Amino acid sequence: MSERAIAGPDSVPRLAPHNKLRFDKARETWSIQAPERAFMLDAIAHSVVSRCDGAASIAAIVADLCSTFPDAPADIIGRDVTALIQDFADKGVMQL
């Protein structure tokens, strides 16, 4: 059994192999298509996942979201982004 990866500010998340970010035209929503399962994303989750490109760290993603949504408190954005990425990493949808 492998050790659990922990998401932190220096982690650089990306979708795991064979997982794709897709727009579902019929439902007009974004989703992650994974082998044998799918994850429907709301607008906020899509804002986070679309920035997980394997180049930007969580700290950079949070900073970008803070500039995009200046009325939202930075500490809450940081906490929520880290929690979402950690959840997807725990499910094998993202790699850190």
C-alpha atoms as a PDB file:
ATOM      1  CA  MET A   1       0.000   0.000   0.000  1.00  0.00           C
ATOM      2  CA  SER A   2       1.348   3.415  -0.934  1.00  0.00           C
ATOM      3  CA  GLU A   3       1.599   6.366   1.389  1.00  0.00           C
ATOM      4  CA  ARG A   4      -1.109   9.034   1.172  1.00  0.00           C
ATOM      5  CA  ALA A   5       0.011  12.179  -0.647  1.00  0.00           C
ATOM      6  CA  ILE A   6      -0.794  15.314   1.330  1.00  0.00           C
ATOM      7  CA  ALA A   7      -1.783  18.490  -0.538  1.00  0.00           C
ATOM      8  CA  GLY A   8       0.157  21.557   0.549  1.00  0.00           C
ATOM      9  CA  PRO A   9       1.037  24.992  -0.839  1.00  0.00           C
ATOM     10  CA  ASP A  10       4.015  23.616  -2.790  1.00  0.00           C
ATOM     11  CA  SER A  11       2.098  20.666  -4.277  1.00  0.00           C
ATOM     12  CA  VAL A  12       1.650  20.811  -8.049  1.00  0.00           C
ATOM     13  CA  PRO A  13      -1.650  19.049  -8.816  1.00  0.00           C
ATOM     14  CA  ARG A  14      -2.735  17.607 -12.133  1.00  0.00           C
ATOM     15  CA  LEU A  15      -5.364  15.152 -13.262  1.00  0.00           C
ATOM     16  CA  ALA A  16      -4.190  11.566 -12.997  1.00  0.00           C
ATOM     17  CA  PRO A  17      -3.670   9.615 -16.226  1.00  0.00           C
ATOM     18  CA  HIS A  18      -6.888   8.570 -17.968  1.00  0.00           C
ATOM     19  CA  ASN A  19      -8.910  11.325 -16.236  1.00  0.00           C
ATOM     20  CA  LYS A  20     -10.232  14.094 -18.469  1.00  0.00           C
ATOM     21  CA  LEU A  21     -11.905  17.433 -17.836  1.00  0.00           C
ATOM     22  CA  ARG A  22     -14.898  17.577 -20.190  1.00  0.00           C
ATOM     23  CA  PHE A  23     -17.811  19.884 -20.895  1.00  0.00           C
ATOM     24  CA  ASP A  24     -21.122  18.029 -21.129  1.00  0.00           C
ATOM     25  CA  LYS A  25     -23.164  19.955 -23.701  1.00  0.00           C
ATOM     26  CA  ALA A  26     -26.411  18.145 -22.863  1.00  0.00           C
ATOM     27  CA  ARG A  27     -26.208  19.078 -19.171  1.00  0.00           C
ATOM     28  CA  GLU A  28     -24.277  22.308 -19.748  1.00  0.00           C
ATOM     29  CA  THR A  29     -21.818  21.449 -16.994  1.00  0.00           C
ATOM     30  CA  TRP A  30     -18.191  20.475 -16.543  1.00  0.00           C
ATOM     31  CA  SER A  31     -17.157  17.053 -15.308  1.00  0.00           C
ATOM     32  CA  ILE A  32     -14.108  14.917 -14.737  1.00  0.00           C
ATOM     33  CA  GLN A  33     -14.408  11.710 -16.722  1.00  0.00           C
ATOM     34  CA  ALA A  34     -12.503   8.958 -14.956  1.00  0.00           C
ATOM     35  CA  PRO A  35     -12.391   5.244 -15.714  1.00  0.00           C
ATOM     36  CA  GLU A  36     -15.713   3.739 -14.598  1.00  0.00           C
ATOM     37  CA  ARG A  37     -16.923   6.975 -12.927  1.00  0.00           C
ATOM     38  CA  ALA A  38     -17.575  10.679 -13.425  1.00  0.00           C
ATOM     39  CA  PHE A  39     -17.458  13.698 -11.132  1.00  0.00           C
ATOM     40  CA  MET A  40     -19.830  16.575 -11.878  1.00  0.00           C
ATOM     41  CA  LEU A  41     -18.268  19.960 -11.114  1.00  0.00           C
ATOM     42  CA  ASP A  42     -19.999  23.136 -10.056  1.00  0.00           C
ATOM     43  CA  ALA A  43     -18.603  26.470 -11.247  1.00  0.00           C
ATOM     44  CA  ILE A  44     -16.264  26.843  -8.275  1.00  0.00           C
ATOM     45  CA  ALA A  45     -14.865  23.314  -8.538  1.00  0.00           C
ATOM     46  CA  HIS A  46     -14.313  23.880 -12.265  1.00  0.00           C
ATOM     47  CA  SER A  47     -12.429  27.106 -11.454  1.00  0.00           C
ATOM     48  CA  VAL A  48     -10.064  25.079  -9.292  1.00  0.00           C
ATOM     49  CA  VAL A  49      -9.708  21.932 -11.415  1.00  0.00           C
ATOM     50  CA  SER A  50      -9.133  23.871 -14.642  1.00  0.00           C
ATOM     51  CA  ARG A  51      -6.066  25.462 -13.011  1.00  0.00           C
ATOM     52  CA  CYS A  52      -4.571  22.085 -11.987  1.00  0.00           C
ATOM     53  CA  ASP A  53      -2.338  21.750 -15.022  1.00  0.00           C
ATOM     54  CA  GLY A  54       0.747  20.132 -13.517  1.00  0.00           C
ATOM     55  CA  ALA A  55       2.651  23.429 -13.717  1.00  0.00           C
ATOM     56  CA  ALA A  56       1.019  25.631 -11.071  1.00  0.00           C
ATOM     57  CA  SER A  57       1.426  24.966  -7.357  1.00  0.00           C
ATOM     58  CA  ILE A  58      -1.541  25.108  -5.005  1.00  0.00           C
ATOM     59  CA  ALA A  59      -0.179  28.439  -3.711  1.00  0.00           C
ATOM     60  CA  ALA A  60      -0.176  29.828  -7.285  1.00  0.00           C
ATOM     61  CA  ILE A  61      -3.698  28.495  -7.911  1.00  0.00           C
ATOM     62  CA  VAL A  62      -4.932  30.131  -4.706  1.00  0.00           C
ATOM     63  CA  ALA A  63      -3.250  33.431  -5.633  1.00  0.00           C
ATOM     64  CA  ASP A  64      -4.844  33.344  -9.085  1.00  0.00           C
ATOM     65  CA  LEU A  65      -8.275  32.619  -7.603  1.00  0.00           C
ATOM     66  CA  CYS A  66      -7.809  35.437  -5.064  1.00  0.00           C
ATOM     67  CA  SER A  67      -7.190  37.879  -7.912  1.00  0.00           C
ATOM     68  CA  THR A  68     -10.157  36.494  -9.876  1.00  0.00           C
ATOM     69  CA  PHE A  69     -12.497  36.655  -6.859  1.00  0.00           C
ATOM     70  CA  PRO A  70     -11.191  39.634  -4.830  1.00  0.00           C
ATOM     71  CA  ASP A  71     -14.212  39.726  -2.508  1.00  0.00           C
ATOM     72  CA  ALA A  72     -13.589  36.199  -1.204  1.00  0.00           C
ATOM     73  CA  PRO A  73     -11.295  35.867   1.853  1.00  0.00           C
ATOM     74  CA  ALA A  74      -7.901  34.435   0.880  1.00  0.00           C
ATOM     75  CA  ASP A  75      -7.751  32.059   3.862  1.00  0.00           C
ATOM     76  CA  ILE A  76     -11.088  30.499   2.919  1.00  0.00           C
ATOM     77  CA  ILE A  77     -10.059  30.153  -0.734  1.00  0.00           C
ATOM     78  CA  GLY A  78      -6.819  28.471   0.369  1.00  0.00           C
ATOM     79  CA  ARG A  79      -8.597  26.081   2.706  1.00  0.00           C
ATOM     80  CA  ASP A  80     -11.296  25.158   0.184  1.00  0.00           C
ATOM     81  CA  VAL A  81      -8.875  24.686  -2.728  1.00  0.00           C
ATOM     82  CA  THR A  82      -6.598  22.470  -0.660  1.00  0.00           C
ATOM     83  CA  ALA A  83      -9.556  20.403   0.591  1.00  0.00           C
ATOM     84  CA  LEU A  84     -10.943  19.891  -2.930  1.00  0.00           C
ATOM     85  CA  ILE A  85      -7.566  18.886  -4.347  1.00  0.00           C
ATOM     86  CA  GLN A  86      -6.887  16.587  -1.380  1.00  0.00           C
ATOM     87  CA  ASP A  87     -10.273  14.900  -1.863  1.00  0.00           C
ATOM     88  CA  PHE A  88      -9.586  14.283  -5.557  1.00  0.00           C
ATOM     89  CA  ALA A  89      -6.066  13.049  -4.759  1.00  0.00           C
ATOM     90  CA  ASP A  90      -7.481  10.618  -2.176  1.00  0.00           C
ATOM     91  CA  LYS A  91      -9.886   9.290  -4.829  1.00  0.00           C
ATOM     92  CA  GLY A  92      -7.044   8.839  -7.346  1.00  0.00           C
ATOM     93  CA  VAL A  93      -8.409  11.502  -9.679  1.00  0.00           C
ATOM     94  CA  MET A  94      -5.479  13.903  -9.161  1.00  0.00           C
ATOM     95  CA  GLN A  95      -1.777  13.518  -8.611  1.00  0.00           C
ATOM     96  CA  LEU A  96       0.258  15.849  -6.426  1.00  0.00           C
END
